[in-house]
Structure formats: C-alpha cells, structure tokens
C-alpha cells in the first residue's frame, strides 16, 4: 500500500459551482437568487425571529409584569433550623460544611421563622428584623459580614 495511491471514492469530490459567470454556465444573470426580493441583494441577512412577514411569535405573545435584573437572590436559613443544628457558632463556611446551603447567591440571609432557646453566634450577610431580635433575646450575637463574592 502506497499513500500516493490513495484516492477518495468516486463521486465524493465535486467541483464547486461558480455562479455569475455568464449565461452559458446555467448560473448567470441572477446567480440562482431570483430576480427581485430581499434575498436577491448582496448583504442580505434575515432578521432574528423573522417569519416571512407573518407577525413574529415574540410580538404575538403578551408581555406581562416586570423582571428586575438587579434583584439579589439570597440563600435563606431560618432561626428554627439553626436551633436544630449542632454547635453554637454559624457562618457561611460552617453551614456549607454541614450541608445546609449548597450555592451561595448574593449572600446568606437569616430569617426569623421558628423558635430559638439557646445563645448562638451567627455571621451572615443579611438578617431580618425578627431573626436579629430572636438571636439577641436568646443571648446570642448576630454579626453582619461583607458582601458575598457572587
């Protein structure tokens, strides 16, 4: 077997059709684009969502409401859950280690749902007023840490 003898199978390779090379070629005059219309001109590019003149889907569907692109998604933990967990100091790293939180969005927010009977030291990015009151009433401390890295 010699590498110089290797050839592609018959019919695999085709000569590229050159358009606009005169009337005798079969692809002269309009070069296969037709006489008139948007697609016949050079530089034509179809608009995104164009449906041939029919009203596009993104314009047919109703638009409702408001989506705040600056919204901060906090991961929330309730005071009642902290009561059930072992230990007396809780930070973002500790809660990740315990498997309570997985992905930290804009930060950790402690909410005041549930009862707290023991003194805890809690570090989070945001506290609700009720959570802050419950932690301090139980003799613990609530420390606000800097912004999350997300």
C-alpha atoms as a PDB file:
ATOM      1  CA  UNK A   1       0.000   0.000   0.000  1.00  0.00           C
ATOM      2  CA  UNK A   2       1.378   3.370  -1.037  1.00  0.00           C
ATOM      3  CA  UNK A   3      -0.004   6.640   0.371  1.00  0.00           C
ATOM      4  CA  UNK A   4       0.302   8.306  -3.037  1.00  0.00           C
ATOM      5  CA  UNK A   5      -2.129   5.726  -4.471  1.00  0.00           C
ATOM      6  CA  UNK A   6      -4.952   6.573  -2.045  1.00  0.00           C
ATOM      7  CA  UNK A   7      -7.861   8.342  -3.747  1.00  0.00           C
ATOM      8  CA  UNK A   8     -11.291   9.383  -2.442  1.00  0.00           C
ATOM      9  CA  UNK A   9     -14.256   7.253  -3.592  1.00  0.00           C
ATOM     10  CA  UNK A  10     -15.880   8.124  -6.925  1.00  0.00           C
ATOM     11  CA  UNK A  11     -18.459  10.890  -6.531  1.00  0.00           C
ATOM     12  CA  UNK A  12     -17.162  12.199  -3.215  1.00  0.00           C
ATOM     13  CA  UNK A  13     -15.277  15.196  -4.566  1.00  0.00           C
ATOM     14  CA  UNK A  14     -17.250  17.765  -6.583  1.00  0.00           C
ATOM     15  CA  UNK A  15     -16.058  20.819  -8.411  1.00  0.00           C
ATOM     16  CA  UNK A  16     -17.501  23.953  -6.762  1.00  0.00           C
ATOM     17  CA  UNK A  17     -20.211  25.635  -8.857  1.00  0.00           C
ATOM     18  CA  UNK A  18     -19.116  29.186  -9.736  1.00  0.00           C
ATOM     19  CA  UNK A  19     -22.148  31.423 -10.078  1.00  0.00           C
ATOM     20  CA  UNK A  20     -22.496  34.615 -12.080  1.00  0.00           C
ATOM     21  CA  UNK A  21     -20.028  33.541 -14.768  1.00  0.00           C
ATOM     22  CA  UNK A  22     -22.198  34.271 -17.791  1.00  0.00           C
ATOM     23  CA  UNK A  23     -25.377  32.987 -19.389  1.00  0.00           C
ATOM     24  CA  UNK A  24     -23.792  29.825 -20.809  1.00  0.00           C
ATOM     25  CA  UNK A  25     -22.958  28.403 -17.377  1.00  0.00           C
ATOM     26  CA  UNK A  26     -26.546  27.892 -16.288  1.00  0.00           C
ATOM     27  CA  UNK A  27     -25.992  30.138 -13.259  1.00  0.00           C
ATOM     28  CA  UNK A  28     -25.655  33.522 -14.947  1.00  0.00           C
ATOM     29  CA  UNK A  29     -27.698  36.738 -14.731  1.00  0.00           C
ATOM     30  CA  UNK A  30     -29.288  36.354 -11.225  1.00  0.00           C
ATOM     31  CA  UNK A  31     -26.876  33.670  -9.949  1.00  0.00           C
ATOM     32  CA  UNK A  32     -29.653  31.423  -8.643  1.00  0.00           C
ATOM     33  CA  UNK A  33     -31.108  34.105  -6.341  1.00  0.00           C
ATOM     34  CA  UNK A  34     -34.140  35.068  -8.415  1.00  0.00           C
ATOM     35  CA  UNK A  35     -34.930  38.452  -9.904  1.00  0.00           C
ATOM     36  CA  UNK A  36     -36.213  40.612  -7.041  1.00  0.00           C
ATOM     37  CA  UNK A  37     -36.833  40.491  -3.319  1.00  0.00           C
ATOM     38  CA  UNK A  38     -34.852  40.857  -0.108  1.00  0.00           C
ATOM     39  CA  UNK A  39     -32.817  37.694  -0.599  1.00  0.00           C
ATOM     40  CA  UNK A  40     -31.657  38.647  -4.086  1.00  0.00           C
ATOM     41  CA  UNK A  41     -29.459  41.539  -2.979  1.00  0.00           C
ATOM     42  CA  UNK A  42     -25.953  41.248  -1.620  1.00  0.00           C
ATOM     43  CA  UNK A  43     -25.566  41.764   2.113  1.00  0.00           C
ATOM     44  CA  UNK A  44     -28.973  40.257   2.919  1.00  0.00           C
ATOM     45  CA  UNK A  45     -29.275  38.788   6.391  1.00  0.00           C
ATOM     46  CA  UNK A  46     -32.568  37.620   7.821  1.00  0.00           C
ATOM     47  CA  UNK A  47     -33.717  39.435  10.958  1.00  0.00           C
ATOM     48  CA  UNK A  48     -33.724  37.299  14.097  1.00  0.00           C
ATOM     49  CA  UNK A  49     -37.249  35.973  14.648  1.00  0.00           C
ATOM     50  CA  UNK A  50     -38.398  36.830  11.107  1.00  0.00           C
ATOM     51  CA  UNK A  51     -41.277  34.639   9.961  1.00  0.00           C
ATOM     52  CA  UNK A  52     -41.724  35.663   6.342  1.00  0.00           C
ATOM     53  CA  UNK A  53     -43.825  38.742   7.070  1.00  0.00           C
ATOM     54  CA  UNK A  54     -46.144  36.952   9.500  1.00  0.00           C
ATOM     55  CA  UNK A  55     -46.286  38.627  12.916  1.00  0.00           C
ATOM     56  CA  UNK A  56     -43.344  37.042  14.817  1.00  0.00           C
ATOM     57  CA  UNK A  57     -44.015  34.908  17.860  1.00  0.00           C
ATOM     58  CA  UNK A  58     -42.211  37.254  20.233  1.00  0.00           C
ATOM     59  CA  UNK A  59     -44.582  40.047  19.160  1.00  0.00           C
ATOM     60  CA  UNK A  60     -47.744  37.898  19.199  1.00  0.00           C
ATOM     61  CA  UNK A  61     -47.343  36.787  22.822  1.00  0.00           C
ATOM     62  CA  UNK A  62     -48.476  39.147  25.590  1.00  0.00           C
ATOM     63  CA  UNK A  63     -45.893  40.803  27.777  1.00  0.00           C
ATOM     64  CA  UNK A  64     -46.766  40.993  31.470  1.00  0.00           C
ATOM     65  CA  UNK A  65     -45.117  42.079  34.652  1.00  0.00           C
ATOM     66  CA  UNK A  66     -41.654  43.315  35.411  1.00  0.00           C
ATOM     67  CA  UNK A  67     -38.360  41.438  35.808  1.00  0.00           C
ATOM     68  CA  UNK A  68     -35.828  43.231  37.970  1.00  0.00           C
ATOM     69  CA  UNK A  69     -32.416  42.449  36.506  1.00  0.00           C
ATOM     70  CA  UNK A  70     -30.683  43.840  39.606  1.00  0.00           C
ATOM     71  CA  UNK A  71     -32.511  41.521  42.037  1.00  0.00           C
ATOM     72  CA  UNK A  72     -30.351  39.838  44.667  1.00  0.00           C
ATOM     73  CA  UNK A  73     -31.086  36.144  45.294  1.00  0.00           C
ATOM     74  CA  UNK A  74     -30.110  35.316  48.861  1.00  0.00           C
ATOM     75  CA  UNK A  75     -29.870  31.786  50.209  1.00  0.00           C
ATOM     76  CA  UNK A  76     -32.158  31.788  53.263  1.00  0.00           C
ATOM     77  CA  UNK A  77     -31.843  29.911  56.551  1.00  0.00           C
ATOM     78  CA  UNK A  78     -34.432  30.155  59.326  1.00  0.00           C
ATOM     79  CA  UNK A  79     -33.623  30.567  63.015  1.00  0.00           C
ATOM     80  CA  UNK A  80     -35.596  27.375  63.756  1.00  0.00           C
ATOM     81  CA  UNK A  81     -33.177  25.364  61.614  1.00  0.00           C
ATOM     82  CA  UNK A  82     -30.156  26.841  63.394  1.00  0.00           C
ATOM     83  CA  UNK A  83     -31.726  25.699  66.698  1.00  0.00           C
ATOM     84  CA  UNK A  84     -31.757  22.084  65.458  1.00  0.00           C
ATOM     85  CA  UNK A  85     -28.135  22.104  64.233  1.00  0.00           C
ATOM     86  CA  UNK A  86     -25.187  21.167  66.442  1.00  0.00           C
ATOM     87  CA  UNK A  87     -22.771  23.901  67.532  1.00  0.00           C
ATOM     88  CA  UNK A  88     -23.127  27.429  68.776  1.00  0.00           C
ATOM     89  CA  UNK A  89     -21.334  29.450  66.057  1.00  0.00           C
ATOM     90  CA  UNK A  90     -22.618  29.548  62.499  1.00  0.00           C
ATOM     91  CA  UNK A  91     -21.010  31.193  59.496  1.00  0.00           C
ATOM     92  CA  UNK A  92     -21.329  30.671  55.746  1.00  0.00           C
ATOM     93  CA  UNK A  93     -18.450  28.188  55.731  1.00  0.00           C
ATOM     94  CA  UNK A  94     -19.871  26.238  58.690  1.00  0.00           C
ATOM     95  CA  UNK A  95     -23.324  25.971  57.063  1.00  0.00           C
ATOM     96  CA  UNK A  96     -21.727  24.791  53.798  1.00  0.00           C
ATOM     97  CA  UNK A  97     -19.760  22.197  55.727  1.00  0.00           C
ATOM     98  CA  UNK A  98     -22.936  20.969  57.446  1.00  0.00           C
ATOM     99  CA  UNK A  99     -24.695  20.739  54.048  1.00  0.00           C
ATOM    100  CA  UNK A 100     -27.404  23.262  54.914  1.00  0.00           C
ATOM    101  CA  UNK A 101     -26.522  25.542  51.990  1.00  0.00           C
ATOM    102  CA  UNK A 102     -25.009  24.481  48.693  1.00  0.00           C
ATOM    103  CA  UNK A 103     -24.728  27.504  46.396  1.00  0.00           C
ATOM    104  CA  UNK A 104     -24.264  30.991  47.810  1.00  0.00           C
ATOM    105  CA  UNK A 105     -26.020  33.526  45.589  1.00  0.00           C
ATOM    106  CA  UNK A 106     -25.919  37.177  46.630  1.00  0.00           C
ATOM    107  CA  UNK A 107     -25.258  36.078  50.217  1.00  0.00           C
ATOM    108  CA  UNK A 108     -26.734  34.382  53.272  1.00  0.00           C
ATOM    109  CA  UNK A 109     -29.915  35.769  54.816  1.00  0.00           C
ATOM    110  CA  UNK A 110     -31.155  34.648  58.223  1.00  0.00           C
ATOM    111  CA  UNK A 111     -34.939  34.737  58.665  1.00  0.00           C
ATOM    112  CA  UNK A 112     -36.862  34.647  61.949  1.00  0.00           C
ATOM    113  CA  UNK A 113     -39.135  31.640  61.366  1.00  0.00           C
ATOM    114  CA  UNK A 114     -39.044  29.210  64.320  1.00  0.00           C
ATOM    115  CA  UNK A 115     -38.060  29.392  67.978  1.00  0.00           C
ATOM    116  CA  UNK A 116     -34.598  29.889  69.449  1.00  0.00           C
ATOM    117  CA  UNK A 117     -33.858  28.777  73.013  1.00  0.00           C
ATOM    118  CA  UNK A 118     -30.042  28.860  73.139  1.00  0.00           C
ATOM    119  CA  UNK A 119     -27.414  31.527  72.576  1.00  0.00           C
ATOM    120  CA  UNK A 120     -25.890  31.402  69.090  1.00  0.00           C
ATOM    121  CA  UNK A 121     -23.190  33.393  67.335  1.00  0.00           C
ATOM    122  CA  UNK A 122     -24.343  33.864  63.757  1.00  0.00           C
ATOM    123  CA  UNK A 123     -22.457  35.527  60.884  1.00  0.00           C
ATOM    124  CA  UNK A 124     -24.437  36.308  57.733  1.00  0.00           C
ATOM    125  CA  UNK A 125     -24.731  38.943  55.022  1.00  0.00           C
ATOM    126  CA  UNK A 126     -28.298  39.979  55.908  1.00  0.00           C
ATOM    127  CA  UNK A 127     -30.617  39.451  58.906  1.00  0.00           C
ATOM    128  CA  UNK A 128     -34.349  40.035  59.064  1.00  0.00           C
ATOM    129  CA  UNK A 129     -35.510  42.173  61.993  1.00  0.00           C
ATOM    130  CA  UNK A 130     -37.313  39.246  63.664  1.00  0.00           C
ATOM    131  CA  UNK A 131     -34.253  36.992  63.309  1.00  0.00           C
ATOM    132  CA  UNK A 132     -31.986  39.643  64.814  1.00  0.00           C
ATOM    133  CA  UNK A 133     -34.396  40.127  67.723  1.00  0.00           C
ATOM    134  CA  UNK A 134     -34.721  36.369  68.410  1.00  0.00           C
ATOM    135  CA  UNK A 135     -30.959  35.781  68.360  1.00  0.00           C
ATOM    136  CA  UNK A 136     -30.296  38.709  70.719  1.00  0.00           C
ATOM    137  CA  UNK A 137     -33.206  37.771  73.006  1.00  0.00           C
ATOM    138  CA  UNK A 138     -31.699  34.285  73.415  1.00  0.00           C
ATOM    139  CA  UNK A 139     -28.374  35.862  74.464  1.00  0.00           C
ATOM    140  CA  UNK A 140     -26.540  35.323  71.189  1.00  0.00           C
ATOM    141  CA  UNK A 141     -24.934  37.672  68.707  1.00  0.00           C
ATOM    142  CA  UNK A 142     -25.740  38.407  65.071  1.00  0.00           C
ATOM    143  CA  UNK A 143     -22.817  39.746  63.022  1.00  0.00           C
ATOM    144  CA  UNK A 144     -23.227  41.215  59.550  1.00  0.00           C
ATOM    145  CA  UNK A 145     -20.312  40.261  57.277  1.00  0.00           C
ATOM    146  CA  UNK A 146     -19.289  41.878  53.972  1.00  0.00           C
ATOM    147  CA  UNK A 147     -20.832  41.246  50.561  1.00  0.00           C
ATOM    148  CA  UNK A 148     -20.695  37.783  49.041  1.00  0.00           C
ATOM    149  CA  UNK A 149     -18.376  37.078  46.130  1.00  0.00           C
ATOM    150  CA  UNK A 150     -21.184  36.247  43.697  1.00  0.00           C
END
